Amino acid sequence: MSAEPITEPVMTQQDPIDLLIAIEEASVAPIRPEYVEGTVIVPPQPDYNHSKGAVKLAVQFHTAGFELAGMGMGFRAAHKDGSTMSLVIPDFYVLRREPTELDESYLKAHKGWYPIDMIALIGEVTSTNHETDTGPKMRTYAAVGVPVYVLINRNTKTAHCYTDPILPGDDPTRAYYDDESKVDLGEPLPLPEPYPTLDTAPFRTR
C-alpha cells in the first residue's frame, strides 16, 4: 500500500474506546483504528501480500497443534489505575486460553476488546506503518509482558522473534524486549519452545 497510516495524538479525557468508536462511525470507508501510547492510529488497508503472508503464519501455528492461534480480534491493555493504555488488533496471535466467561464479560464491558493477558504470542506484519510495529507497538507488548513478539518487517526484509519483555519502572514507553532472533525474509525463524520454527518464505520478494 502506498497510503501512510493516520496518527493523531489524543488530548482528551474521553475513554479511547469511545473515541475509536466515534472515528469508525464517522468514516465513510471501513477502518479499524487502534490506540497506542496516547495516539490514535488508523492503519492503511493491508495489501494482498501482507494478508496472504499473515494467514500462512497463523496456519503454521495451527498445523503445529496450536489451535488457539488466530487473527482479527482486538485486545485492550490497561494502566495500573485501570484506565485504557492501548487498544491493538495484531495481525496474528496465539492465545493462552479460550475466552472464559470473565473474558466475555470483559469484552462486553469494554465494547469489543478482549484483555491482552489472553495472549501468549503476538505477531505483526509491517505495511507502510513499520515504525508503529517496531516502536510503539513493540514497547506496548513488552510493557504488558507478552512473552513472545514475532515481527515480519517488510521494510528491512527481515523477520524477528523478540522474547524476555522488560519494563524498567512504571513508564510503559520505556519497555523493551531483552532478547532477539533475526533472519532474512525467506529463511526459517526459530521461536522458543514450544512453538514451531516459522517458514518466512511467503514474504520473500523476488
N, C-alpha and C. Protein backbone atom coordinates (compact mmCIF):
# COMPACT_ATOMS: atom_id res chain seq x y z
N MET A 1 0.84 -1.19 0.00
CA MET A 1 0.00 0.00 0.00
C MET A 1 0.88 1.24 0.00
N SER A 2 0.45 2.27 -0.74
CA SER A 2 1.21 3.50 -0.77
C SER A 2 0.73 4.47 0.30
N ALA A 3 -0.47 4.24 0.83
CA ALA A 3 -1.01 5.15 1.83
C ALA A 3 -0.23 5.05 3.12
N GLU A 4 -0.11 6.20 3.80
CA GLU A 4 0.55 6.23 5.10
C GLU A 4 -0.50 6.09 6.18
N PRO A 5 -0.14 5.50 7.33
CA PRO A 5 -1.09 5.43 8.42
C PRO A 5 -1.40 6.82 8.95
N ILE A 6 -2.62 7.02 9.41
CA ILE A 6 -3.02 8.28 10.01
C ILE A 6 -2.82 8.16 11.51
N THR A 7 -2.10 9.10 12.09
CA THR A 7 -1.91 9.10 13.54
C THR A 7 -2.35 10.44 14.09
N GLU A 8 -2.95 10.43 15.25
CA GLU A 8 -3.44 11.65 15.86
C GLU A 8 -3.32 11.56 17.38
N PRO A 9 -2.48 12.44 18.00
CA PRO A 9 -2.39 12.44 19.46
C PRO A 9 -3.75 12.76 20.08
N VAL A 10 -4.04 12.11 21.20
CA VAL A 10 -5.34 12.28 21.86
C VAL A 10 -5.16 13.20 23.06
N MET A 11 -5.81 14.36 23.03
CA MET A 11 -5.73 15.32 24.13
C MET A 11 -7.13 15.46 24.72
N THR A 12 -7.61 14.40 25.34
CA THR A 12 -8.97 14.40 25.86
C THR A 12 -9.08 13.41 27.01
N GLN A 13 -10.08 13.64 27.87
CA GLN A 13 -10.35 12.71 28.95
C GLN A 13 -11.30 11.60 28.51
N GLN A 14 -11.74 11.65 27.26
CA GLN A 14 -12.63 10.63 26.74
C GLN A 14 -11.95 9.27 26.72
N ASP A 15 -12.68 8.22 27.10
CA ASP A 15 -12.12 6.87 27.02
C ASP A 15 -11.74 6.59 25.58
N PRO A 16 -10.50 6.14 25.33
CA PRO A 16 -10.09 5.85 23.95
C PRO A 16 -11.01 4.87 23.22
N ILE A 17 -11.66 3.97 23.96
CA ILE A 17 -12.59 3.04 23.31
C ILE A 17 -13.72 3.81 22.65
N ASP A 18 -14.30 4.77 23.37
CA ASP A 18 -15.39 5.57 22.80
C ASP A 18 -14.89 6.43 21.65
N LEU A 19 -13.66 6.91 21.76
CA LEU A 19 -13.09 7.72 20.70
C LEU A 19 -12.94 6.91 19.41
N LEU A 20 -12.44 5.67 19.54
CA LEU A 20 -12.29 4.83 18.34
C LEU A 20 -13.64 4.50 17.73
N ILE A 21 -14.64 4.28 18.56
CA ILE A 21 -15.99 4.01 18.04
C ILE A 21 -16.48 5.21 17.24
N ALA A 22 -16.27 6.41 17.77
CA ALA A 22 -16.71 7.62 17.07
C ALA A 22 -15.99 7.79 15.74
N ILE A 23 -14.70 7.48 15.71
CA ILE A 23 -13.92 7.59 14.47
C ILE A 23 -14.42 6.58 13.45
N GLU A 24 -14.68 5.36 13.88
CA GLU A 24 -15.21 4.34 12.96
C GLU A 24 -16.55 4.77 12.39
N GLU A 25 -17.42 5.30 13.23
CA GLU A 25 -18.75 5.70 12.77
C GLU A 25 -18.69 6.89 11.83
N ALA A 26 -17.68 7.75 12.00
CA ALA A 26 -17.57 8.94 11.15
C ALA A 26 -16.92 8.65 9.81
N SER A 27 -16.26 7.51 9.68
CA SER A 27 -15.54 7.19 8.45
C SER A 27 -16.47 6.65 7.39
N VAL A 28 -16.28 7.11 6.17
CA VAL A 28 -17.06 6.61 5.04
C VAL A 28 -16.60 5.20 4.68
N ALA A 29 -15.29 4.99 4.68
CA ALA A 29 -14.72 3.67 4.35
C ALA A 29 -14.56 2.86 5.64
N PRO A 30 -14.61 1.53 5.54
CA PRO A 30 -14.36 0.70 6.73
C PRO A 30 -12.93 0.88 7.23
N ILE A 31 -12.78 1.13 8.53
CA ILE A 31 -11.46 1.28 9.13
C ILE A 31 -11.43 0.52 10.45
N ARG A 32 -10.22 0.23 10.91
CA ARG A 32 -10.04 -0.45 12.20
C ARG A 32 -8.96 0.30 12.99
N PRO A 33 -9.33 1.43 13.59
CA PRO A 33 -8.33 2.21 14.32
C PRO A 33 -7.85 1.50 15.57
N GLU A 34 -6.63 1.86 15.97
CA GLU A 34 -6.02 1.35 17.19
C GLU A 34 -5.57 2.55 18.04
N TYR A 35 -5.17 2.28 19.26
CA TYR A 35 -4.74 3.34 20.18
C TYR A 35 -3.49 2.86 20.90
N VAL A 36 -2.38 3.56 20.69
CA VAL A 36 -1.10 3.15 21.27
C VAL A 36 -0.32 4.38 21.72
N GLU A 37 0.14 4.36 22.94
CA GLU A 37 0.96 5.44 23.50
C GLU A 37 0.31 6.81 23.32
N GLY A 38 -0.99 6.87 23.62
CA GLY A 38 -1.70 8.14 23.59
C GLY A 38 -2.05 8.65 22.21
N THR A 39 -1.88 7.81 21.20
CA THR A 39 -2.13 8.23 19.82
C THR A 39 -3.10 7.27 19.14
N VAL A 40 -4.07 7.83 18.44
CA VAL A 40 -4.96 7.02 17.61
C VAL A 40 -4.25 6.72 16.30
N ILE A 41 -4.25 5.46 15.90
CA ILE A 41 -3.60 5.03 14.67
C ILE A 41 -4.64 4.40 13.77
N VAL A 42 -4.74 4.89 12.55
CA VAL A 42 -5.61 4.28 11.55
C VAL A 42 -4.71 3.66 10.49
N PRO A 43 -4.42 2.36 10.61
CA PRO A 43 -3.50 1.73 9.66
C PRO A 43 -4.09 1.71 8.26
N PRO A 44 -3.23 1.74 7.23
CA PRO A 44 -3.71 1.57 5.86
C PRO A 44 -4.27 0.17 5.68
N GLN A 45 -5.19 0.01 4.75
CA GLN A 45 -5.70 -1.32 4.46
C GLN A 45 -4.55 -2.22 4.01
N PRO A 46 -4.44 -3.43 4.56
CA PRO A 46 -3.33 -4.31 4.17
C PRO A 46 -3.44 -4.73 2.72
N ASP A 47 -2.29 -4.87 2.07
CA ASP A 47 -2.30 -5.33 0.68
C ASP A 47 -2.36 -6.86 0.64
N TYR A 48 -2.41 -7.40 -0.55
CA TYR A 48 -2.59 -8.85 -0.72
C TYR A 48 -1.44 -9.64 -0.08
N ASN A 49 -0.20 -9.22 -0.33
CA ASN A 49 0.95 -9.96 0.20
C ASN A 49 0.98 -9.94 1.73
N HIS A 50 0.59 -8.82 2.30
CA HIS A 50 0.51 -8.72 3.76
C HIS A 50 -0.49 -9.73 4.30
N SER A 51 -1.69 -9.71 3.75
CA SER A 51 -2.76 -10.58 4.25
C SER A 51 -2.44 -12.06 4.00
N LYS A 52 -1.96 -12.37 2.79
CA LYS A 52 -1.64 -13.76 2.47
C LYS A 52 -0.57 -14.30 3.40
N GLY A 53 0.48 -13.52 3.64
CA GLY A 53 1.57 -13.97 4.49
C GLY A 53 1.14 -14.15 5.93
N ALA A 54 0.33 -13.21 6.46
CA ALA A 54 -0.13 -13.31 7.84
C ALA A 54 -0.99 -14.56 8.04
N VAL A 55 -1.85 -14.85 7.07
CA VAL A 55 -2.68 -16.05 7.15
C VAL A 55 -1.81 -17.30 7.17
N LYS A 56 -0.79 -17.34 6.32
CA LYS A 56 0.07 -18.52 6.25
C LYS A 56 0.84 -18.72 7.55
N LEU A 57 1.20 -17.64 8.23
CA LEU A 57 1.87 -17.79 9.52
C LEU A 57 0.90 -18.37 10.56
N ALA A 58 -0.32 -17.86 10.58
CA ALA A 58 -1.31 -18.39 11.52
C ALA A 58 -1.57 -19.87 11.26
N VAL A 59 -1.62 -20.25 9.98
CA VAL A 59 -1.85 -21.65 9.62
C VAL A 59 -0.70 -22.52 10.12
N GLN A 60 0.54 -22.00 10.06
CA GLN A 60 1.68 -22.79 10.55
C GLN A 60 1.52 -23.13 12.03
N PHE A 61 1.01 -22.19 12.81
CA PHE A 61 0.78 -22.48 14.23
C PHE A 61 -0.30 -23.55 14.40
N HIS A 62 -1.37 -23.43 13.61
CA HIS A 62 -2.43 -24.44 13.68
C HIS A 62 -1.89 -25.82 13.30
N THR A 63 -1.09 -25.86 12.25
CA THR A 63 -0.53 -27.14 11.80
C THR A 63 0.35 -27.76 12.86
N ALA A 64 1.01 -26.92 13.67
CA ALA A 64 1.87 -27.40 14.75
C ALA A 64 1.09 -27.74 16.01
N GLY A 65 -0.22 -27.63 15.95
CA GLY A 65 -1.05 -28.03 17.08
C GLY A 65 -1.53 -26.90 17.98
N PHE A 66 -1.26 -25.66 17.59
CA PHE A 66 -1.70 -24.52 18.40
C PHE A 66 -3.07 -24.05 17.91
N GLU A 67 -4.11 -24.71 18.44
CA GLU A 67 -5.45 -24.44 17.97
C GLU A 67 -5.97 -23.07 18.36
N LEU A 68 -5.31 -22.42 19.31
CA LEU A 68 -5.74 -21.09 19.73
C LEU A 68 -5.00 -19.98 18.99
N ALA A 69 -4.34 -20.33 17.88
CA ALA A 69 -3.77 -19.30 17.01
C ALA A 69 -4.91 -18.66 16.23
N GLY A 70 -4.80 -17.36 16.01
CA GLY A 70 -5.89 -16.69 15.31
C GLY A 70 -5.50 -15.34 14.76
N MET A 71 -6.51 -14.64 14.23
CA MET A 71 -6.35 -13.33 13.63
C MET A 71 -7.64 -12.55 13.86
N GLY A 72 -7.51 -11.21 13.88
CA GLY A 72 -8.69 -10.37 13.78
C GLY A 72 -9.28 -9.84 15.07
N MET A 73 -8.96 -10.43 16.23
CA MET A 73 -9.55 -9.93 17.47
C MET A 73 -8.77 -8.73 18.00
N GLY A 74 -9.49 -7.86 18.72
CA GLY A 74 -8.87 -6.69 19.32
C GLY A 74 -8.63 -6.91 20.81
N PHE A 75 -7.55 -6.31 21.33
CA PHE A 75 -7.16 -6.52 22.72
C PHE A 75 -6.87 -5.18 23.40
N ARG A 76 -7.23 -5.12 24.68
CA ARG A 76 -7.04 -3.90 25.47
C ARG A 76 -6.00 -4.14 26.56
N ALA A 77 -5.08 -3.19 26.69
CA ALA A 77 -4.13 -3.16 27.79
C ALA A 77 -4.49 -2.00 28.70
N ALA A 78 -4.35 -2.20 30.00
CA ALA A 78 -4.74 -1.17 30.96
C ALA A 78 -3.56 -0.70 31.79
N HIS A 79 -3.62 0.57 32.21
CA HIS A 79 -2.68 1.09 33.19
C HIS A 79 -3.01 0.50 34.56
N LYS A 80 -2.13 0.73 35.51
CA LYS A 80 -2.36 0.22 36.87
C LYS A 80 -3.62 0.78 37.50
N ASP A 81 -4.03 1.99 37.08
CA ASP A 81 -5.26 2.58 37.63
C ASP A 81 -6.52 2.09 36.93
N GLY A 82 -6.35 1.18 35.95
CA GLY A 82 -7.49 0.61 35.26
C GLY A 82 -7.88 1.34 33.98
N SER A 83 -7.29 2.50 33.74
CA SER A 83 -7.62 3.24 32.52
C SER A 83 -6.98 2.56 31.30
N THR A 84 -7.51 2.86 30.13
CA THR A 84 -7.04 2.23 28.90
C THR A 84 -5.65 2.73 28.53
N MET A 85 -4.71 1.81 28.37
CA MET A 85 -3.37 2.14 27.93
C MET A 85 -3.24 1.98 26.43
N SER A 86 -3.73 0.85 25.90
CA SER A 86 -3.60 0.58 24.47
C SER A 86 -4.77 -0.28 23.99
N LEU A 87 -5.10 -0.11 22.71
CA LEU A 87 -6.11 -0.92 22.03
C LEU A 87 -5.48 -1.38 20.72
N VAL A 88 -5.23 -2.68 20.58
CA VAL A 88 -4.47 -3.18 19.44
C VAL A 88 -5.20 -4.33 18.75
N ILE A 89 -4.97 -4.43 17.46
CA ILE A 89 -5.52 -5.53 16.66
C ILE A 89 -4.33 -6.16 15.93
N PRO A 90 -3.66 -7.12 16.56
CA PRO A 90 -2.46 -7.72 15.95
C PRO A 90 -2.82 -8.51 14.70
N ASP A 91 -1.81 -8.71 13.85
CA ASP A 91 -2.03 -9.46 12.62
C ASP A 91 -2.25 -10.94 12.87
N PHE A 92 -1.61 -11.48 13.90
CA PHE A 92 -1.86 -12.86 14.30
C PHE A 92 -1.42 -13.03 15.75
N TYR A 93 -1.87 -14.11 16.37
CA TYR A 93 -1.57 -14.31 17.78
C TYR A 93 -1.81 -15.77 18.14
N VAL A 94 -1.27 -16.17 19.29
CA VAL A 94 -1.59 -17.44 19.92
C VAL A 94 -2.10 -17.11 21.32
N LEU A 95 -3.29 -17.58 21.65
CA LEU A 95 -3.88 -17.28 22.95
C LEU A 95 -3.41 -18.26 24.02
N ARG A 96 -3.44 -17.81 25.26
CA ARG A 96 -3.15 -18.68 26.40
C ARG A 96 -4.33 -19.60 26.70
N ARG A 97 -5.53 -19.13 26.38
CA ARG A 97 -6.74 -19.84 26.76
C ARG A 97 -7.88 -19.46 25.82
N GLU A 98 -8.87 -20.32 25.74
CA GLU A 98 -10.11 -19.92 25.11
C GLU A 98 -10.78 -18.87 26.00
N PRO A 99 -11.55 -17.95 25.41
CA PRO A 99 -12.19 -16.94 26.25
C PRO A 99 -13.09 -17.56 27.32
N THR A 100 -12.87 -17.15 28.55
CA THR A 100 -13.69 -17.61 29.67
C THR A 100 -14.91 -16.70 29.81
N GLU A 101 -15.79 -17.04 30.74
CA GLU A 101 -16.93 -16.16 31.00
C GLU A 101 -16.46 -14.79 31.45
N LEU A 102 -15.38 -14.77 32.22
CA LEU A 102 -14.82 -13.50 32.67
C LEU A 102 -14.29 -12.69 31.49
N ASP A 103 -13.62 -13.37 30.56
CA ASP A 103 -13.12 -12.68 29.36
C ASP A 103 -14.28 -12.11 28.54
N GLU A 104 -15.36 -12.88 28.43
CA GLU A 104 -16.51 -12.42 27.65
C GLU A 104 -17.19 -11.23 28.35
N SER A 105 -17.20 -11.24 29.67
CA SER A 105 -17.73 -10.10 30.41
C SER A 105 -16.86 -8.87 30.20
N TYR A 106 -15.54 -9.09 30.17
CA TYR A 106 -14.59 -8.00 29.90
C TYR A 106 -14.85 -7.43 28.50
N LEU A 107 -15.03 -8.32 27.53
CA LEU A 107 -15.32 -7.90 26.15
C LEU A 107 -16.55 -7.01 26.09
N LYS A 108 -17.59 -7.40 26.79
CA LYS A 108 -18.82 -6.62 26.80
C LYS A 108 -18.62 -5.27 27.49
N ALA A 109 -17.93 -5.29 28.63
CA ALA A 109 -17.71 -4.06 29.39
C ALA A 109 -16.86 -3.07 28.63
N HIS A 110 -15.94 -3.59 27.81
CA HIS A 110 -15.01 -2.72 27.08
C HIS A 110 -15.33 -2.65 25.59
N LYS A 111 -16.59 -2.92 25.26
CA LYS A 111 -17.16 -2.63 23.94
C LYS A 111 -16.38 -3.25 22.78
N GLY A 112 -16.03 -4.54 22.93
CA GLY A 112 -15.45 -5.25 21.81
C GLY A 112 -13.97 -5.56 21.92
N TRP A 113 -13.37 -5.29 23.08
CA TRP A 113 -11.93 -5.52 23.26
C TRP A 113 -11.70 -6.55 24.36
N TYR A 114 -10.95 -7.60 24.02
CA TYR A 114 -10.59 -8.62 24.99
C TYR A 114 -9.38 -8.16 25.83
N PRO A 115 -9.17 -8.76 27.01
CA PRO A 115 -7.97 -8.42 27.80
C PRO A 115 -6.71 -8.96 27.14
N ILE A 116 -5.68 -8.15 27.11
CA ILE A 116 -4.46 -8.53 26.39
C ILE A 116 -3.71 -9.66 27.11
N ASP A 117 -4.05 -9.92 28.38
CA ASP A 117 -3.35 -11.02 29.06
C ASP A 117 -3.78 -12.39 28.54
N MET A 118 -4.73 -12.44 27.62
CA MET A 118 -5.08 -13.69 26.96
C MET A 118 -3.99 -14.16 25.99
N ILE A 119 -3.08 -13.26 25.63
CA ILE A 119 -2.13 -13.54 24.54
C ILE A 119 -0.83 -14.13 25.07
N ALA A 120 -0.42 -15.25 24.45
CA ALA A 120 0.88 -15.86 24.76
C ALA A 120 1.94 -15.46 23.75
N LEU A 121 1.53 -15.28 22.51
CA LEU A 121 2.44 -14.87 21.43
C LEU A 121 1.68 -13.91 20.53
N ILE A 122 2.35 -12.86 20.12
CA ILE A 122 1.70 -11.85 19.28
C ILE A 122 2.57 -11.60 18.06
N GLY A 123 1.94 -11.30 16.92
CA GLY A 123 2.71 -11.08 15.70
C GLY A 123 2.18 -9.93 14.88
N GLU A 124 3.09 -9.21 14.25
CA GLU A 124 2.75 -8.11 13.36
C GLU A 124 3.51 -8.25 12.05
N VAL A 125 2.86 -7.83 10.97
CA VAL A 125 3.47 -7.76 9.64
C VAL A 125 3.41 -6.31 9.22
N THR A 126 4.55 -5.71 8.92
CA THR A 126 4.55 -4.29 8.60
C THR A 126 3.96 -4.01 7.22
N SER A 127 3.33 -2.85 7.13
CA SER A 127 2.95 -2.28 5.83
C SER A 127 3.76 -1.00 5.70
N THR A 128 3.11 0.12 5.39
CA THR A 128 3.85 1.38 5.40
C THR A 128 4.03 1.90 6.82
N ASN A 129 3.38 1.25 7.79
CA ASN A 129 3.44 1.69 9.18
C ASN A 129 4.49 0.93 9.98
N HIS A 130 5.64 0.64 9.34
CA HIS A 130 6.63 -0.18 10.03
C HIS A 130 7.15 0.48 11.31
N GLU A 131 7.15 1.82 11.37
CA GLU A 131 7.62 2.48 12.59
C GLU A 131 6.70 2.19 13.77
N THR A 132 5.40 2.00 13.50
CA THR A 132 4.47 1.68 14.58
C THR A 132 4.76 0.30 15.16
N ASP A 133 4.98 -0.68 14.28
CA ASP A 133 5.21 -2.05 14.74
C ASP A 133 6.58 -2.22 15.40
N THR A 134 7.56 -1.42 14.99
CA THR A 134 8.91 -1.55 15.56
C THR A 134 9.13 -0.62 16.75
N GLY A 135 8.19 0.28 17.00
CA GLY A 135 8.32 1.24 18.09
C GLY A 135 7.21 1.12 19.11
N PRO A 136 6.14 1.93 18.96
CA PRO A 136 5.08 1.96 19.99
C PRO A 136 4.44 0.61 20.28
N LYS A 137 4.14 -0.18 19.24
CA LYS A 137 3.51 -1.47 19.50
C LYS A 137 4.47 -2.43 20.20
N MET A 138 5.71 -2.44 19.78
CA MET A 138 6.68 -3.31 20.43
C MET A 138 6.81 -2.95 21.90
N ARG A 139 6.89 -1.65 22.21
CA ARG A 139 7.02 -1.23 23.60
C ARG A 139 5.76 -1.61 24.40
N THR A 140 4.60 -1.46 23.77
CA THR A 140 3.35 -1.82 24.45
C THR A 140 3.33 -3.30 24.79
N TYR A 141 3.69 -4.15 23.82
CA TYR A 141 3.67 -5.59 24.07
C TYR A 141 4.66 -5.99 25.16
N ALA A 142 5.81 -5.33 25.17
CA ALA A 142 6.79 -5.60 26.23
C ALA A 142 6.27 -5.11 27.59
N ALA A 143 5.64 -3.93 27.59
CA ALA A 143 5.18 -3.34 28.85
C ALA A 143 4.14 -4.21 29.54
N VAL A 144 3.29 -4.88 28.75
CA VAL A 144 2.24 -5.72 29.36
C VAL A 144 2.69 -7.15 29.53
N GLY A 145 3.94 -7.46 29.15
CA GLY A 145 4.51 -8.77 29.41
C GLY A 145 4.14 -9.87 28.43
N VAL A 146 3.79 -9.50 27.18
CA VAL A 146 3.57 -10.54 26.17
C VAL A 146 4.90 -11.27 25.98
N PRO A 147 4.95 -12.58 26.22
CA PRO A 147 6.25 -13.28 26.25
C PRO A 147 7.00 -13.32 24.93
N VAL A 148 6.27 -13.43 23.81
CA VAL A 148 6.91 -13.57 22.50
C VAL A 148 6.26 -12.61 21.51
N TYR A 149 7.09 -11.82 20.84
CA TYR A 149 6.63 -10.91 19.80
C TYR A 149 7.34 -11.27 18.50
N VAL A 150 6.56 -11.68 17.51
CA VAL A 150 7.10 -12.01 16.19
C VAL A 150 6.81 -10.84 15.25
N LEU A 151 7.85 -10.35 14.61
CA LEU A 151 7.71 -9.20 13.71
C LEU A 151 8.24 -9.55 12.33
N ILE A 152 7.39 -9.41 11.34
CA ILE A 152 7.79 -9.52 9.95
C ILE A 152 7.95 -8.11 9.42
N ASN A 153 9.19 -7.68 9.23
CA ASN A 153 9.46 -6.31 8.81
C ASN A 153 9.72 -6.31 7.30
N ARG A 154 8.69 -6.00 6.55
CA ARG A 154 8.83 -5.99 5.09
C ARG A 154 9.65 -4.80 4.60
N ASN A 155 9.84 -3.79 5.46
CA ASN A 155 10.66 -2.64 5.08
C ASN A 155 12.13 -3.02 5.03
N THR A 156 12.60 -3.77 6.04
CA THR A 156 14.01 -4.18 6.08
C THR A 156 14.23 -5.59 5.53
N LYS A 157 13.10 -6.25 5.15
CA LYS A 157 13.15 -7.62 4.60
C LYS A 157 13.77 -8.59 5.61
N THR A 158 13.36 -8.42 6.88
CA THR A 158 13.85 -9.28 7.95
C THR A 158 12.68 -9.76 8.82
N ALA A 159 12.91 -10.90 9.48
CA ALA A 159 11.93 -11.44 10.43
C ALA A 159 12.59 -11.51 11.79
N HIS A 160 11.83 -11.20 12.84
CA HIS A 160 12.38 -11.09 14.18
C HIS A 160 11.51 -11.85 15.18
N CYS A 161 12.14 -12.43 16.17
CA CYS A 161 11.44 -13.00 17.31
C CYS A 161 12.01 -12.36 18.57
N TYR A 162 11.18 -11.61 19.27
CA TYR A 162 11.59 -10.92 20.49
C TYR A 162 11.03 -11.66 21.71
N THR A 163 11.87 -11.85 22.71
CA THR A 163 11.45 -12.50 23.95
C THR A 163 12.05 -11.76 25.15
N ASP A 164 11.66 -12.16 26.34
CA ASP A 164 12.13 -11.58 27.60
C ASP A 164 11.73 -10.11 27.72
N PRO A 165 10.41 -9.84 27.83
CA PRO A 165 9.96 -8.45 27.97
C PRO A 165 10.39 -7.85 29.31
N ILE A 166 10.79 -6.59 29.27
CA ILE A 166 11.26 -5.90 30.48
C ILE A 166 10.60 -4.52 30.55
N LEU A 167 10.08 -4.19 31.73
CA LEU A 167 9.53 -2.87 31.98
C LEU A 167 10.31 -2.25 33.13
N PRO A 168 11.26 -1.36 32.82
CA PRO A 168 12.03 -0.72 33.88
C PRO A 168 11.24 0.45 34.49
N GLY A 169 10.76 0.28 35.71
CA GLY A 169 9.96 1.34 36.31
C GLY A 169 8.50 1.24 35.91
N ASP A 170 7.82 2.38 35.92
CA ASP A 170 6.38 2.41 35.67
C ASP A 170 6.01 3.00 34.31
N ASP A 171 6.98 3.45 33.55
CA ASP A 171 6.69 4.11 32.27
C ASP A 171 6.66 3.08 31.15
N PRO A 172 5.46 2.77 30.58
CA PRO A 172 5.39 1.74 29.54
C PRO A 172 6.13 2.11 28.26
N THR A 173 6.39 3.39 28.04
CA THR A 173 7.11 3.78 26.82
C THR A 173 8.60 3.46 26.90
N ARG A 174 9.07 2.97 28.05
CA ARG A 174 10.47 2.58 28.20
C ARG A 174 10.65 1.07 28.17
N ALA A 175 9.57 0.35 27.97
CA ALA A 175 9.64 -1.11 27.96
C ALA A 175 10.36 -1.60 26.70
N TYR A 176 10.93 -2.79 26.80
CA TYR A 176 11.66 -3.36 25.67
C TYR A 176 11.77 -4.87 25.83
N TYR A 177 12.18 -5.53 24.74
CA TYR A 177 12.48 -6.96 24.79
C TYR A 177 13.99 -7.12 24.86
N ASP A 178 14.43 -7.98 25.75
CA ASP A 178 15.86 -8.11 26.01
C ASP A 178 16.55 -9.11 25.09
N ASP A 179 15.77 -9.93 24.38
CA ASP A 179 16.38 -10.95 23.53
C ASP A 179 15.73 -10.91 22.15
N GLU A 180 16.54 -11.09 21.12
CA GLU A 180 16.04 -11.02 19.74
C GLU A 180 16.74 -12.06 18.87
N SER A 181 15.95 -12.76 18.05
CA SER A 181 16.46 -13.58 16.96
C SER A 181 16.05 -12.92 15.66
N LYS A 182 16.94 -12.95 14.67
CA LYS A 182 16.67 -12.22 13.43
C LYS A 182 17.18 -13.02 12.25
N VAL A 183 16.35 -13.09 11.19
CA VAL A 183 16.75 -13.74 9.94
C VAL A 183 16.25 -12.89 8.77
N ASP A 184 16.82 -13.14 7.60
CA ASP A 184 16.30 -12.50 6.39
C ASP A 184 15.00 -13.18 5.98
N LEU A 185 14.10 -12.40 5.39
CA LEU A 185 12.85 -12.99 4.93
C LEU A 185 13.15 -14.09 3.91
N GLY A 186 12.48 -15.20 4.07
CA GLY A 186 12.74 -16.38 3.25
C GLY A 186 13.46 -17.46 4.02
N GLU A 187 14.14 -17.07 5.11
CA GLU A 187 14.83 -18.03 5.96
C GLU A 187 13.92 -18.46 7.12
N PRO A 188 14.14 -19.65 7.68
CA PRO A 188 13.33 -20.09 8.83
C PRO A 188 13.64 -19.25 10.07
N LEU A 189 12.59 -18.87 10.79
CA LEU A 189 12.74 -18.07 12.00
C LEU A 189 12.51 -18.95 13.22
N PRO A 190 13.55 -19.25 14.01
CA PRO A 190 13.36 -20.08 15.20
C PRO A 190 12.59 -19.33 16.27
N LEU A 191 11.65 -20.03 16.91
CA LEU A 191 10.89 -19.49 18.02
C LEU A 191 11.19 -20.31 19.27
N PRO A 192 10.98 -19.75 20.44
CA PRO A 192 11.23 -20.51 21.67
C PRO A 192 10.24 -21.67 21.81
N GLU A 193 10.65 -22.68 22.56
CA GLU A 193 9.75 -23.78 22.86
C GLU A 193 8.49 -23.24 23.56
N PRO A 194 7.32 -23.80 23.26
CA PRO A 194 7.05 -24.99 22.44
C PRO A 194 6.66 -24.68 21.00
N TYR A 195 6.97 -23.46 20.53
CA TYR A 195 6.48 -23.03 19.23
C TYR A 195 7.31 -23.60 18.09
N PRO A 196 6.72 -23.69 16.90
CA PRO A 196 7.45 -24.20 15.74
C PRO A 196 8.39 -23.15 15.16
N THR A 197 9.37 -23.60 14.40
CA THR A 197 10.16 -22.68 13.58
C THR A 197 9.27 -22.21 12.44
N LEU A 198 9.24 -20.90 12.20
CA LEU A 198 8.34 -20.35 11.20
C LEU A 198 9.01 -20.27 9.83
N ASP A 199 8.28 -20.67 8.82
CA ASP A 199 8.72 -20.52 7.44
C ASP A 199 8.32 -19.12 7.00
N THR A 200 9.32 -18.27 6.72
CA THR A 200 9.02 -16.89 6.29
C THR A 200 9.04 -16.73 4.78
N ALA A 201 9.11 -17.85 4.07
CA ALA A 201 9.16 -17.80 2.60
C ALA A 201 7.99 -17.04 1.97
N PRO A 202 6.77 -17.07 2.57
CA PRO A 202 5.67 -16.31 1.95
C PRO A 202 5.95 -14.83 1.80
N PHE A 203 6.92 -14.29 2.56
CA PHE A 203 7.22 -12.88 2.48
C PHE A 203 8.47 -12.58 1.64
N ARG A 204 9.06 -13.62 1.08
CA ARG A 204 10.27 -13.40 0.29
C ARG A 204 9.92 -12.68 -0.99
N THR A 205 10.66 -11.63 -1.31
CA THR A 205 10.43 -10.88 -2.54
C THR A 205 11.33 -11.39 -3.63
N ARG A 206 10.82 -11.34 -4.83
CA ARG A 206 11.61 -11.84 -5.97
C ARG A 206 12.56 -10.77 -6.45
